[in-house]
Every structure is written in C-alpha cells, then in structure tokens.
Amino acid sequence: GEKSRLAMIRLLLEPVNLLILDEPTNHLDMRSKDVLKSALSDFDGTVIVVSHDREFLDGLVDKVYEFGNKRIREHLGGIYDFLEHKKIENLQELERKTETISGQHKTENSDNPEKDVIPKKKDEKNSSYEEQKEQARRIRKLEKAVAEAEEKITALETRISELEARMATPEGAADVSLYTEHDRLKNELSGIVDTWEEATGALEKANL
C-alpha cells in the first residue's frame, strides 16, 4: 500500500501529458483514494483509467470505453451515465453478461463446427453493384448522423458548463430558472447521447 502511494506521487509529479492507470485504487485506503482522485482531477493532460471502482470513477471521467465481444464502444458521459444506459448496477455485472454472451457464441460454434468452412458460391461472395451502392449510402447516412450528434453533444456540454458557472455565483444560486434550464439541458443531452450510441452501433455493424 505504501509503495503504491509513493509510486502515484512520483508519477503525478512527472512532467507528462498522458497517464495510463491500471486499477490504481487497489491497496489504497479511502483517504489515499480521495487524494489521488483530487490530483487526477487537477491534472492538465489526458488520463486513461482501467478500474472497477465506480465511486473513484464518478466525477473523474467524461468517457467510458466498453470492451467486449471483439468490439470497443465509446460512451460519452460519466460512469453512472454508462451504468444507467446499460441498465446495470456495477461493472462486475457487465462482465458477467459479457462472459455469458461469449459462452453462448462458443456453444453455437461448437454445435456447428462446419458452418465456417463450407465454401460459398461465387455469386454469394460478391454483392451486386446496386447492393454496394445502397450499403455505401447507408454508411454515409450513419456517419452524418454520428457527426451531427457529436456536434449537438459538444454544444450542449458547452451550454451546460456556462450555465453551471452562472449557478455557482450568488446571484445564479438564487435564480430558480437556471436550475430548470440546467435540468432541461441535461435531459436533452442524455437523449442525444442515446441517439449517438445507437448511430455508432449501427455504423459499426454496417462496416463489418
């Protein structure tokens, strides 16, 4: 535990702009976790954290990357936004779901050992020109949807940050309308993030 704390201190004092941390809260007590989280929050560079500690990640990260089923998916928002979107309570539950799906795929493949080695006919290998054009059109449409959603997310996050800055002032703290607007923007952002994730998932499938 003491060695871990010293290593973290040395790391944070180094003049770098990227930190990659693998389960940094292991063997740390609550006070050390709080100190580390505060230091990382003040860090000016990029921090990539591999962790199952949702309390540590809360308020620290603004993106979550999900690894599973041979895919990497980016989710905008904090750790609790991610858990709410996945309808799970914790990251261990997500791991169990992923393992279950992986096991099902292996079982299906073992039940059909020849399905991947059956040669396909030539006309099955190559899509027609019209099908290729239609697929390209779908991909362009999805790419546009992803880009538009990302622009809206950036704009909303900027407006929310500006609003929160006003709410932090004595005058803003007493203005009820700011809180109403803040809730509205947060709900709108949540909806746009869902749209972005759906479009991103569809785009990934279309590119397979």
Protein backbone atom coordinates (compact mmCIF):
# COMPACT_ATOMS: atom_id res chain seq x y z
CA GLY A 1 0.00 0.00 0.00
CA GLU A 2 2.74 2.48 0.95
CA LYS A 3 4.73 1.64 -2.18
CA SER A 4 1.63 2.20 -4.33
CA ARG A 5 1.07 5.63 -2.77
CA LEU A 6 4.70 6.65 -3.31
CA ALA A 7 4.58 5.44 -6.92
CA MET A 8 1.45 7.51 -7.55
CA ILE A 9 3.03 10.63 -6.06
CA ARG A 10 6.15 10.25 -8.23
CA LEU A 11 4.01 9.65 -11.31
CA LEU A 12 1.88 12.75 -10.76
CA LEU A 13 4.97 14.89 -10.27
CA GLU A 14 6.44 13.85 -13.63
CA PRO A 15 6.05 16.43 -16.47
CA VAL A 16 3.84 14.28 -18.73
CA ASN A 17 0.57 14.89 -20.58
CA LEU A 18 -0.75 11.31 -20.59
CA LEU A 19 -1.35 8.93 -17.70
CA ILE A 20 -2.44 5.29 -18.10
CA LEU A 21 -3.51 3.75 -14.80
CA ASP A 22 -4.45 0.09 -14.31
CA GLU A 23 -6.63 -0.43 -11.21
CA PRO A 24 -4.91 2.47 -9.39
CA THR A 25 -7.09 2.19 -6.27
CA ASN A 26 -6.02 -1.35 -5.44
CA HIS A 27 -4.42 -1.43 -1.96
CA LEU A 28 -5.28 2.24 -1.31
CA ASP A 29 -7.29 3.33 1.71
CA MET A 30 -10.19 5.79 1.36
CA ARG A 31 -8.10 8.86 2.15
CA SER A 32 -5.44 7.89 -0.39
CA LYS A 33 -8.16 7.31 -2.99
CA ASP A 34 -9.56 10.78 -2.37
CA VAL A 35 -6.10 12.36 -2.64
CA LEU A 36 -5.39 10.50 -5.89
CA LYS A 37 -8.78 11.41 -7.36
CA SER A 38 -8.27 15.07 -6.49
CA ALA A 39 -4.79 15.07 -8.05
CA LEU A 40 -6.07 13.42 -11.25
CA SER A 41 -8.93 15.92 -11.46
CA ASP A 42 -6.37 18.75 -11.40
CA PHE A 43 -4.12 17.01 -13.95
CA ASP A 44 -3.96 19.03 -17.19
CA GLY A 45 -3.30 16.10 -19.51
CA THR A 46 -5.25 13.02 -20.57
CA VAL A 47 -5.91 10.21 -18.10
CA ILE A 48 -6.83 6.66 -19.17
CA VAL A 49 -8.04 4.62 -16.20
CA VAL A 50 -8.76 0.90 -16.08
CA SER A 51 -10.85 0.42 -12.95
CA HIS A 52 -13.86 -1.37 -11.46
CA ASP A 53 -14.15 1.24 -8.70
CA ARG A 54 -17.25 3.20 -9.75
CA GLU A 55 -17.03 5.62 -6.81
CA PHE A 56 -13.48 6.51 -7.83
CA LEU A 57 -14.51 6.97 -11.47
CA ASP A 58 -17.57 9.08 -10.61
CA GLY A 59 -16.87 12.71 -11.47
CA LEU A 60 -13.42 11.83 -12.80
CA VAL A 61 -14.12 10.50 -16.30
CA ASP A 62 -16.17 12.00 -19.13
CA LYS A 63 -15.98 9.00 -21.46
CA VAL A 64 -16.25 5.26 -20.87
CA TYR A 65 -14.84 2.69 -23.29
CA GLU A 66 -16.55 -0.71 -23.26
CA PHE A 67 -14.51 -3.73 -24.37
CA GLY A 68 -16.44 -6.89 -25.21
CA ASN A 69 -17.46 -9.31 -27.97
CA LYS A 70 -14.41 -8.29 -30.03
CA ARG A 71 -15.56 -4.65 -30.06
CA ILE A 72 -14.68 -1.36 -28.43
CA ARG A 73 -17.53 1.08 -27.89
CA GLU A 74 -17.21 4.67 -26.73
CA HIS A 75 -19.85 6.03 -24.34
CA LEU A 76 -19.95 9.76 -23.65
CA GLY A 77 -20.67 10.78 -20.07
CA GLY A 78 -19.62 9.61 -16.63
CA ILE A 79 -19.56 6.12 -15.14
CA TYR A 80 -23.08 6.34 -13.73
CA ASP A 81 -24.40 7.54 -17.10
CA PHE A 82 -22.84 4.40 -18.58
CA LEU A 83 -24.29 2.09 -15.90
CA GLU A 84 -27.74 3.65 -16.31
CA HIS A 85 -27.58 3.25 -20.09
CA LYS A 86 -26.59 -0.42 -19.73
CA LYS A 87 -29.27 -0.90 -17.03
CA ILE A 88 -26.80 -2.45 -14.59
CA GLU A 89 -25.75 -1.65 -11.03
CA ASN A 90 -22.00 -2.21 -11.29
CA LEU A 91 -19.17 -3.14 -13.66
CA GLN A 92 -18.93 -6.70 -12.36
CA GLU A 93 -22.49 -7.27 -13.58
CA LEU A 94 -21.44 -6.13 -17.06
CA GLU A 95 -18.53 -8.60 -17.02
CA ARG A 96 -20.89 -11.46 -16.15
CA LYS A 97 -23.20 -10.50 -19.02
CA THR A 98 -20.28 -10.34 -21.46
CA GLU A 99 -18.98 -13.74 -20.34
CA THR A 100 -22.45 -15.25 -20.76
CA ILE A 101 -22.78 -13.91 -24.32
CA SER A 102 -19.26 -15.09 -25.17
CA GLY A 103 -20.06 -18.56 -23.83
CA GLN A 104 -23.22 -18.72 -25.92
CA HIS A 105 -21.27 -17.86 -29.06
CA LYS A 106 -18.72 -20.58 -28.33
CA THR A 107 -21.50 -23.12 -27.79
CA GLU A 108 -23.16 -22.16 -31.06
CA ASN A 109 -19.88 -22.53 -32.92
CA SER A 110 -19.14 -25.91 -31.34
CA ASP A 111 -22.63 -27.15 -32.27
CA ASN A 112 -21.96 -26.22 -35.90
CA PRO A 113 -18.27 -26.99 -36.47
CA GLU A 114 -18.59 -26.96 -40.25
CA LYS A 115 -20.58 -23.77 -40.69
CA ASP A 116 -17.49 -21.58 -41.11
CA VAL A 117 -15.68 -23.90 -43.52
CA ILE A 118 -18.46 -24.52 -46.03
CA PRO A 119 -17.31 -22.85 -49.26
CA LYS A 120 -19.62 -20.19 -50.61
CA LYS A 121 -20.63 -19.86 -54.19
CA LYS A 122 -19.01 -17.09 -56.18
CA ASP A 123 -22.24 -15.11 -56.50
CA GLU A 124 -22.68 -15.24 -52.71
CA LYS A 125 -19.25 -13.75 -52.06
CA ASN A 126 -19.72 -10.61 -54.08
CA SER A 127 -22.59 -8.22 -53.56
CA SER A 128 -24.10 -6.72 -56.66
CA TYR A 129 -23.16 -3.21 -57.68
CA GLU A 130 -26.55 -1.88 -56.58
CA GLU A 131 -26.24 -3.53 -53.16
CA GLN A 132 -22.80 -2.00 -52.70
CA LYS A 133 -24.16 1.44 -53.61
CA GLU A 134 -27.02 1.04 -51.13
CA GLN A 135 -24.62 -0.06 -48.39
CA ALA A 136 -22.36 2.93 -49.09
CA ARG A 137 -25.39 5.23 -48.91
CA ARG A 138 -26.42 3.76 -45.54
CA ILE A 139 -22.91 4.20 -44.18
CA ARG A 140 -22.74 7.85 -45.31
CA LYS A 141 -26.13 8.50 -43.70
CA LEU A 142 -25.00 6.93 -40.41
CA GLU A 143 -21.69 8.82 -40.48
CA LYS A 144 -23.63 12.05 -40.91
CA ALA A 145 -25.93 11.14 -38.01
CA VAL A 146 -22.93 10.40 -35.76
CA ALA A 147 -21.22 13.69 -36.71
CA GLU A 148 -24.40 15.73 -36.15
CA ALA A 149 -24.98 14.08 -32.76
CA GLU A 150 -21.38 14.80 -31.72
CA GLU A 151 -21.80 18.47 -32.68
CA LYS A 152 -25.00 18.70 -30.63
CA ILE A 153 -23.33 16.99 -27.67
CA THR A 154 -20.42 19.44 -27.76
CA ALA A 155 -22.78 22.42 -27.98
CA LEU A 156 -24.96 21.16 -25.13
CA GLU A 157 -21.96 20.41 -22.90
CA THR A 158 -20.70 23.95 -23.52
CA ARG A 159 -24.08 25.46 -22.64
CA ILE A 160 -24.34 23.31 -19.51
CA SER A 161 -20.84 24.35 -18.39
CA GLU A 162 -21.69 28.02 -18.92
CA LEU A 163 -24.93 27.58 -17.01
CA GLU A 164 -23.17 25.82 -14.12
CA ALA A 165 -20.68 28.70 -13.94
CA ARG A 166 -23.59 31.13 -13.57
CA MET A 167 -25.24 28.87 -10.97
CA ALA A 168 -22.03 28.97 -8.94
CA THR A 169 -22.40 32.73 -8.37
CA PRO A 170 -24.53 34.11 -5.50
CA GLU A 171 -26.99 35.64 -7.97
CA GLY A 172 -27.22 32.46 -10.02
CA ALA A 173 -27.68 30.26 -6.96
CA ALA A 174 -30.85 32.19 -6.16
CA ASP A 175 -32.22 32.03 -9.71
CA VAL A 176 -34.62 29.06 -9.89
CA SER A 177 -34.95 29.38 -13.67
CA LEU A 178 -31.28 28.43 -14.08
CA TYR A 179 -31.88 25.11 -12.33
CA THR A 180 -34.89 24.42 -14.53
CA GLU A 181 -32.87 25.18 -17.66
CA HIS A 182 -30.00 23.05 -16.35
CA ASP A 183 -32.30 20.03 -15.89
CA ARG A 184 -33.77 20.54 -19.35
CA LEU A 185 -30.35 20.67 -21.00
CA LYS A 186 -29.15 17.59 -19.08
CA ASN A 187 -32.20 15.63 -20.24
CA GLU A 188 -31.67 16.81 -23.81
CA LEU A 189 -28.02 15.79 -23.61
CA SER A 190 -28.97 12.32 -22.35
CA GLY A 191 -31.30 11.86 -25.32
CA ILE A 192 -28.66 12.99 -27.82
CA VAL A 193 -26.09 10.65 -26.25
CA ASP A 194 -28.54 7.75 -26.69
CA THR A 195 -29.02 8.75 -30.33
CA TRP A 196 -25.24 8.95 -30.81
CA GLU A 197 -24.71 5.50 -29.31
CA GLU A 198 -27.42 3.95 -31.50
CA ALA A 199 -25.96 5.54 -34.63
CA THR A 200 -22.44 4.50 -33.66
CA GLY A 201 -23.55 0.91 -33.05
CA ALA A 202 -25.38 0.79 -36.38
CA LEU A 203 -22.34 2.23 -38.14
CA GLU A 204 -20.08 -0.42 -36.61
CA LYS A 205 -22.41 -3.17 -37.85
CA ALA A 206 -22.65 -1.60 -41.31
CA ASN A 207 -18.85 -1.56 -41.60
CA LEU A 208 -18.45 -5.24 -40.71
